[in-house]
Protein backbone atom coordinates (compact mmCIF):
# COMPACT_ATOMS: atom_id res chain seq x y z
CA MET A 1 110.72 88.06 59.69
CA VAL A 2 110.23 84.35 60.08
CA ARG A 3 109.03 83.90 56.58
CA ALA A 4 112.33 85.51 55.44
CA GLN A 5 114.34 83.23 57.76
CA ARG A 6 112.60 80.19 56.39
CA ALA A 7 113.27 81.32 52.74
CA ALA A 8 116.92 81.91 53.60
CA LEU A 9 117.39 78.43 55.15
CA ALA A 10 115.51 76.81 52.29
CA SER A 11 117.91 78.36 49.81
CA LEU A 12 120.73 76.65 51.88
CA GLY A 13 118.95 73.33 51.74
CA ILE A 14 118.12 73.23 55.38
CA GLU A 15 114.65 71.75 55.91
CA ARG A 16 114.50 70.93 59.57
CA LEU A 17 115.71 72.61 62.83
CA ALA A 18 116.50 70.77 66.10
CA LEU A 19 115.99 73.98 68.13
CA VAL A 20 114.84 77.53 67.56
CA VAL A 21 115.82 79.79 70.42
CA GLY A 22 115.60 83.52 71.05
CA GLY A 23 115.17 86.17 73.70
CA SER A 24 112.78 89.22 73.73
CA LEU A 25 111.88 89.96 70.08
CA GLY A 26 113.85 86.88 69.26
CA GLY A 27 111.68 84.87 71.63
CA MET A 28 108.63 86.16 69.77
CA GLN A 29 110.22 84.91 66.48
CA ALA A 30 111.01 81.63 67.96
CA LEU A 31 107.30 81.18 68.92
CA GLU A 32 106.35 82.21 65.50
CA TRP A 33 108.62 79.48 64.00
CA GLY A 34 106.82 76.81 66.12
CA LEU A 35 103.42 78.04 65.02
CA GLN A 36 104.22 78.77 61.31
CA ALA A 37 106.47 75.79 60.55
CA PRO A 38 105.63 73.13 63.14
CA GLY A 39 106.79 70.41 60.81
CA SER A 40 110.17 71.92 60.52
CA VAL A 41 111.01 72.54 64.18
CA GLU A 42 111.58 69.99 66.88
CA ARG A 43 111.98 72.38 69.90
CA VAL A 44 111.21 76.04 70.61
CA LEU A 45 112.95 77.95 73.46
CA SER A 46 111.46 81.36 74.01
CA ILE A 47 113.13 83.48 76.66
CA GLY A 48 111.71 86.62 78.17
CA ALA A 49 108.73 86.66 75.75
CA TYR A 50 105.26 85.41 75.33
CA ASP A 51 102.63 85.07 72.67
CA TRP A 52 101.43 88.80 72.64
CA PHE A 53 102.79 92.18 73.80
CA SER A 54 101.34 94.28 76.65
CA ALA A 55 99.82 97.74 76.60
CA MET A 56 102.71 98.92 78.82
CA GLY A 57 105.33 97.51 76.23
CA ILE A 58 103.48 99.24 73.37
CA ALA A 59 103.39 102.48 75.23
CA LEU A 60 107.09 102.37 76.04
CA ASN A 61 107.91 101.62 72.33
CA ALA A 62 105.61 104.50 71.30
CA VAL A 63 107.62 106.95 73.57
CA ALA A 64 110.92 105.61 72.15
CA ARG A 65 109.64 106.16 68.56
CA GLU A 66 108.51 109.67 69.45
CA ALA A 67 112.02 110.43 70.82
CA ILE A 68 113.45 109.43 67.42
CA ALA A 69 110.90 111.53 65.46
CA SER A 70 111.21 114.63 67.60
CA ALA A 71 114.96 114.79 68.14
CA ALA A 72 117.10 117.37 66.46
CA THR A 73 119.20 114.70 64.79
CA PRO A 74 118.66 110.97 64.11
CA ARG A 75 121.64 110.17 66.32
CA ALA A 76 120.25 112.05 69.24
CA GLY A 77 116.87 110.39 68.62
CA ILE A 78 118.11 106.91 68.66
CA GLU A 79 120.23 107.60 71.75
CA LEU A 80 117.31 108.88 73.72
CA ALA A 81 115.24 105.84 72.54
CA ARG A 82 117.89 103.50 73.72
CA LYS A 83 118.13 105.15 77.13
CA ILE A 84 114.28 104.72 77.53
CA ALA A 85 114.68 101.07 76.48
CA MET A 86 117.56 100.39 78.76
CA LEU A 87 115.41 101.37 81.79
CA THR A 88 112.92 98.70 80.86
CA TYR A 89 115.66 96.12 80.46
CA LYS A 90 116.96 96.51 84.08
CA SER A 91 115.49 96.21 87.47
CA GLU A 92 115.39 98.79 90.25
CA ALA A 93 117.30 96.40 92.48
CA LEU A 94 120.14 96.15 89.88
CA LEU A 95 120.40 99.87 89.34
CA ALA A 96 120.43 100.44 93.11
CA ARG A 97 123.30 97.95 93.54
CA ARG A 98 125.34 99.14 90.61
CA HIS A 99 124.78 102.96 90.78
CA GLY A 100 122.72 103.95 93.77
CA ARG A 101 123.09 107.67 94.28
CA LYS A 102 126.77 107.73 93.43
CA PHE A 103 128.17 110.62 91.35
CA ASP A 104 129.53 110.04 87.88
CA ARG A 105 132.64 107.74 88.10
CA LYS A 106 134.62 110.31 86.08
CA GLY A 107 134.60 112.73 88.94
CA ALA A 108 131.56 114.95 88.33
CA ASN A 109 129.60 116.40 91.26
CA PRO A 110 126.02 117.39 90.40
CA ALA A 111 125.67 118.87 93.95
CA ARG A 112 128.04 121.61 92.85
CA ASN A 113 127.39 121.83 89.10
CA LYS A 114 123.90 121.27 87.78
CA GLU A 115 125.49 120.16 84.49
CA ASP A 116 127.27 117.22 86.05
CA ARG A 117 125.73 113.73 86.26
CA PHE A 118 124.99 110.98 88.64
CA ASP A 119 126.63 107.65 87.75
CA VAL A 120 123.43 106.13 86.45
CA GLU A 121 123.17 109.02 83.99
CA GLY A 122 126.62 108.39 82.72
CA TYR A 123 125.66 104.74 82.26
CA LEU A 124 122.66 105.71 80.11
CA ASP A 125 124.68 108.14 78.03
CA HIS A 126 127.23 105.39 77.34
CA GLN A 127 124.55 102.91 76.31
CA GLY A 128 122.97 105.45 73.97
CA ALA A 129 126.31 106.27 72.36
CA ILE A 130 127.35 102.63 71.62
CA PHE A 131 123.81 101.76 70.36
CA SER A 132 123.64 104.75 67.94
CA ALA A 133 126.84 103.54 66.34
CA ARG A 134 125.31 100.25 65.22
CA MET A 135 121.49 100.83 64.95
CA ASP A 136 119.70 102.60 62.10
CA PRO A 137 116.79 104.66 63.44
CA GLN A 138 114.48 103.45 60.74
CA ALA A 139 115.29 99.79 61.58
CA TYR A 140 114.52 100.55 65.22
CA LEU A 141 111.15 101.93 64.27
CA THR A 142 110.34 98.75 62.39
CA LEU A 143 111.56 96.35 65.00
CA THR A 144 109.62 97.96 67.88
CA ARG A 145 106.36 98.10 65.73
CA ALA A 146 106.89 94.43 64.97
CA MET A 147 106.90 93.78 68.77
CA ASP A 148 103.78 95.83 69.17
CA LEU A 149 101.88 93.90 66.57
CA PHE A 150 102.87 90.43 67.79
CA ASP A 151 99.81 88.51 69.05
CA THR A 152 99.26 84.87 68.33
CA ARG A 153 96.65 83.98 71.02
CA ASP A 154 94.13 83.01 68.33
CA ARG A 155 96.47 80.44 66.68
CA ALA A 156 96.70 76.92 68.32
CA PRO A 157 99.90 74.99 68.18
CA ALA A 158 99.81 72.09 65.79
CA ASP A 159 99.47 68.45 66.90
CA PRO A 160 102.01 67.07 66.47
CA GLY A 161 104.27 70.01 66.78
CA PRO A 162 107.40 71.11 68.52
CA ALA A 163 108.17 71.11 72.18
CA PHE A 164 107.84 74.54 73.68
CA THR A 165 109.87 75.89 76.63
CA PHE A 166 109.01 79.31 77.96
CA VAL A 167 111.52 81.03 80.29
CA GLY A 168 110.26 84.03 82.40
CA ILE A 169 112.66 86.22 84.37
CA SER A 170 111.69 86.93 87.98
CA SER A 171 112.57 90.68 87.87
CA ASP A 172 111.48 91.42 84.28
CA TRP A 173 108.87 94.17 84.27
CA LEU A 174 108.91 94.56 80.41
CA PHE A 175 107.85 90.96 79.75
CA LEU A 176 106.26 90.07 83.12
CA PRO A 177 106.92 86.56 84.19
CA GLN A 178 103.31 85.91 84.94
CA TYR A 179 102.44 86.61 81.26
CA VAL A 180 105.09 84.15 80.20
CA ARG A 181 103.77 81.50 82.54
CA GLU A 182 100.22 82.12 81.23
CA ALA A 183 101.42 81.64 77.63
CA ALA A 184 103.03 78.38 78.49
CA ALA A 185 99.82 77.17 80.17
CA ARG A 186 97.80 78.22 77.06
CA PHE A 187 100.08 76.20 74.78
CA ALA A 188 99.80 73.22 77.15
CA ALA A 189 95.97 73.56 77.30
CA ALA A 190 95.93 73.37 73.51
CA GLY A 191 97.77 70.09 73.55
CA ALA A 192 101.43 71.15 73.09
CA ASP A 193 104.39 69.81 74.97
CA SER A 194 104.83 73.14 76.81
CA VAL A 195 106.53 74.01 80.07
CA TYR A 196 107.35 77.12 82.08
CA LEU A 197 110.74 77.69 83.68
CA GLU A 198 111.80 80.81 85.64
CA LEU A 199 115.11 82.37 85.85
CA ALA A 200 115.64 83.97 89.25
CA SER A 201 117.66 87.19 88.69
CA ASP A 202 117.78 90.80 89.61
CA HIS A 203 119.10 91.72 86.14
CA GLY A 204 115.61 92.32 84.76
CA HIS A 205 114.74 91.56 81.20
CA ASP A 206 118.48 91.48 80.28
CA ALA A 207 119.15 88.58 82.59
CA PHE A 208 119.28 86.15 79.58
CA LEU A 209 122.25 88.19 78.31
CA ALA A 210 123.81 88.97 81.63
CA GLU A 211 123.77 85.46 83.18
CA PRO A 212 124.00 82.99 80.23
CA GLU A 213 125.50 80.19 82.44
CA ARG A 214 122.57 80.22 84.84
CA LEU A 215 120.18 80.30 81.91
CA GLN A 216 121.97 77.33 80.36
CA ALA A 217 121.76 75.38 83.63
CA LEU A 218 118.07 76.08 83.89
CA VAL A 219 117.19 74.85 80.38
CA ALA A 220 119.74 72.02 80.19
CA PRO A 221 117.27 69.31 81.45
CA ARG A 222 114.66 70.38 78.94
CA LEU A 223 117.26 70.05 76.13
CA ALA A 224 118.86 66.84 77.41
CA SER A 225 117.48 64.82 74.52
CA LEU A 226 119.07 67.27 72.06
CA TYR A 227 122.44 66.88 73.73
CA ALA A 228 122.05 63.15 73.68
CA ALA A 229 121.09 63.04 70.03
CA ALA A 230 124.13 65.13 69.17
CA GLY A 231 126.24 62.26 70.50
CA GLY A 232 128.39 64.55 72.62
CA ALA A 233 128.81 67.15 70.00
CA LEU A 234 126.69 69.44 72.11
CA THR A 235 127.26 69.58 75.88
CA PRO A 236 126.05 72.08 78.41
CA SER A 237 129.06 73.78 80.05
């Protein structure tokens, strides 16, 4: 993926990047940019990701892929895979606050009709439906396998190389914050300018999407030199 991105930018005449930033699989790619092309990147911001992928993450991806393979139709498969994934992106605290044990907001009552849904079931159905409209099942298989295979712990960051900022999320149980913190420490021990920041949130893994303003405030000091070099063209809101 990163080799393809590098080739695309090279074809546009772009040789150096001030910042490569991404979350989740994008955070893995941001780290790969810093390791693969250290002379072309000044800063790396990796959010909700670390330099490998856990057994739990691989297992969850495997179940999602099995859902796609075993479903009656591709659409049903990708919708079930999305529902599984959505549960890994949220925290129990968030689901309890948003949905609790409420019945479906459209008026269903599962206490009277076994086919009716709880509100959280309706939420998952909605997420599956909107995802299936934009995601090709084969692409999803490839993307999840790319996550499984990511492991750069045997590759040291270059010296000199980019500055690395790792952001963990306090309630993230898919990319555990302690693993993100350990990755930042590994990069620092190898001589890189590497720091760990933690976003306190009950949104789970999706916090970087759900609370962008809080994320921006957290990383703004780390990116202050970038804002200054832009001469005011870039300013944190």
